[in-house]
Amino acid sequence: MNVEKSETISIIIPIYNSEAYIARCLDSILAQTYPAFEVLCIDDGSTDESGKLCDAYREKDDRIRVYHMENRG
């Protein structure tokens, strides 16, 4: 599939204490056949391991970006 840069889509995942679900979510996205996407994981001050799991996925795939912030409710 020949995909131009302008056809890249962004997938935004808001994260707050989603440790039990985040791996399944990211694995599902990464298994897609459409290659031109970026994943923006927005960690809203999780107190579990959600942020660390997202960081681990970021290390494996450069289409994943992780943003950590203090909880804003």
C-alpha atoms as a PDB file:
ATOM      1  CA  MET A   1       0.000   0.000   0.000  1.00  0.00           C
ATOM      2  CA  ASN A   2       1.437   3.347  -1.041  1.00  0.00           C
ATOM      3  CA  VAL A   3       0.410   5.877   1.596  1.00  0.00           C
ATOM      4  CA  GLU A   4       1.463   9.496   1.470  1.00  0.00           C
ATOM      5  CA  LYS A   5       2.418  11.449   4.593  1.00  0.00           C
ATOM      6  CA  SER A   6      -0.726  13.565   4.255  1.00  0.00           C
ATOM      7  CA  GLU A   7      -2.822  10.421   4.755  1.00  0.00           C
ATOM      8  CA  THR A   8      -1.451   9.742   8.218  1.00  0.00           C
ATOM      9  CA  ILE A   9      -4.118   9.474  10.900  1.00  0.00           C
ATOM     10  CA  SER A  10      -3.761  10.203  14.599  1.00  0.00           C
ATOM     11  CA  ILE A  11      -5.262   7.913  17.209  1.00  0.00           C
ATOM     12  CA  ILE A  12      -5.623   9.616  20.580  1.00  0.00           C
ATOM     13  CA  ILE A  13      -5.908   7.383  23.637  1.00  0.00           C
ATOM     14  CA  PRO A  14      -6.759   9.084  26.935  1.00  0.00           C
ATOM     15  CA  ILE A  15      -5.300   7.031  29.777  1.00  0.00           C
ATOM     16  CA  TYR A  16      -6.093   7.003  33.464  1.00  0.00           C
ATOM     17  CA  ASN A  17      -5.415   3.854  35.493  1.00  0.00           C
ATOM     18  CA  SER A  18      -5.943   1.593  32.481  1.00  0.00           C
ATOM     19  CA  GLU A  19      -3.211  -0.910  33.259  1.00  0.00           C
ATOM     20  CA  ALA A  20      -5.560  -3.881  32.763  1.00  0.00           C
ATOM     21  CA  TYR A  21      -6.584  -2.737  29.267  1.00  0.00           C
ATOM     22  CA  ILE A  22      -3.837  -0.680  27.664  1.00  0.00           C
ATOM     23  CA  ALA A  23      -1.789  -3.583  26.261  1.00  0.00           C
ATOM     24  CA  ARG A  24      -4.846  -5.073  24.547  1.00  0.00           C
ATOM     25  CA  CYS A  25      -5.756  -1.659  23.147  1.00  0.00           C
ATOM     26  CA  LEU A  26      -2.277  -0.925  21.768  1.00  0.00           C
ATOM     27  CA  ASP A  27      -1.811  -4.468  20.423  1.00  0.00           C
ATOM     28  CA  SER A  28      -5.086  -4.136  18.543  1.00  0.00           C
ATOM     29  CA  ILE A  29      -4.058  -0.825  16.989  1.00  0.00           C
ATOM     30  CA  LEU A  30      -0.588  -2.076  16.039  1.00  0.00           C
ATOM     31  CA  ALA A  31      -2.116  -5.145  14.364  1.00  0.00           C
ATOM     32  CA  GLN A  32      -3.975  -3.000  11.822  1.00  0.00           C
ATOM     33  CA  THR A  33      -2.933  -3.266   8.193  1.00  0.00           C
ATOM     34  CA  TYR A  34      -3.118   0.486   7.539  1.00  0.00           C
ATOM     35  CA  PRO A  35       0.466   1.600   8.175  1.00  0.00           C
ATOM     36  CA  ALA A  36       0.258   5.403   8.250  1.00  0.00           C
ATOM     37  CA  PHE A  37      -0.838   6.278  11.734  1.00  0.00           C
ATOM     38  CA  GLU A  38       0.462   7.700  14.974  1.00  0.00           C
ATOM     39  CA  VAL A  39      -0.778   6.828  18.433  1.00  0.00           C
ATOM     40  CA  LEU A  40      -0.894   9.580  21.040  1.00  0.00           C
ATOM     41  CA  CYS A  41      -1.169   8.152  24.551  1.00  0.00           C
ATOM     42  CA  ILE A  42      -2.204  10.881  26.983  1.00  0.00           C
ATOM     43  CA  ASP A  43      -1.536   9.699  30.531  1.00  0.00           C
ATOM     44  CA  ASP A  44      -3.622  11.858  32.860  1.00  0.00           C
ATOM     45  CA  GLY A  45      -1.656  11.184  36.042  1.00  0.00           C
ATOM     46  CA  SER A  46      -2.291   7.455  36.355  1.00  0.00           C
ATOM     47  CA  THR A  47      -1.379   5.943  39.703  1.00  0.00           C
ATOM     48  CA  ASP A  48      -0.979   2.415  38.326  1.00  0.00           C
ATOM     49  CA  GLU A  49       1.510   1.112  35.730  1.00  0.00           C
ATOM     50  CA  SER A  50      -0.388   2.473  32.693  1.00  0.00           C
ATOM     51  CA  GLY A  51       2.192   5.139  31.909  1.00  0.00           C
ATOM     52  CA  LYS A  52       5.100   2.708  32.142  1.00  0.00           C
ATOM     53  CA  LEU A  53       3.336   0.241  29.850  1.00  0.00           C
ATOM     54  CA  CYS A  54       2.814   2.983  27.273  1.00  0.00           C
ATOM     55  CA  ASP A  55       6.486   3.943  27.561  1.00  0.00           C
ATOM     56  CA  ALA A  56       7.451   0.311  26.889  1.00  0.00           C
ATOM     57  CA  TYR A  57       5.323   0.269  23.734  1.00  0.00           C
ATOM     58  CA  ARG A  58       6.889   3.565  22.653  1.00  0.00           C
ATOM     59  CA  GLU A  59      10.308   1.908  22.844  1.00  0.00           C
ATOM     60  CA  LYS A  60       9.106  -0.832  20.451  1.00  0.00           C
ATOM     61  CA  ASP A  61       7.295   1.323  17.890  1.00  0.00           C
ATOM     62  CA  ASP A  62       8.174   4.894  16.920  1.00  0.00           C
ATOM     63  CA  ARG A  63       4.596   5.604  15.812  1.00  0.00           C
ATOM     64  CA  ILE A  64       3.640   5.747  19.496  1.00  0.00           C
ATOM     65  CA  ARG A  65       4.044   8.972  21.438  1.00  0.00           C
ATOM     66  CA  VAL A  66       3.372   9.197  25.160  1.00  0.00           C
ATOM     67  CA  TYR A  67       2.537  12.337  27.089  1.00  0.00           C
ATOM     68  CA  HIS A  68       2.481  12.292  30.899  1.00  0.00           C
ATOM     69  CA  MET A  69       0.743  15.003  32.900  1.00  0.00           C
ATOM     70  CA  GLU A  70      -0.712  15.605  36.328  1.00  0.00           C
ATOM     71  CA  ASN A  71      -4.297  14.448  36.787  1.00  0.00           C
ATOM     72  CA  ARG A  72      -6.749  17.099  35.651  1.00  0.00           C
ATOM     73  CA  GLY A  73      -9.933  15.167  36.277  1.00  0.00           C
END
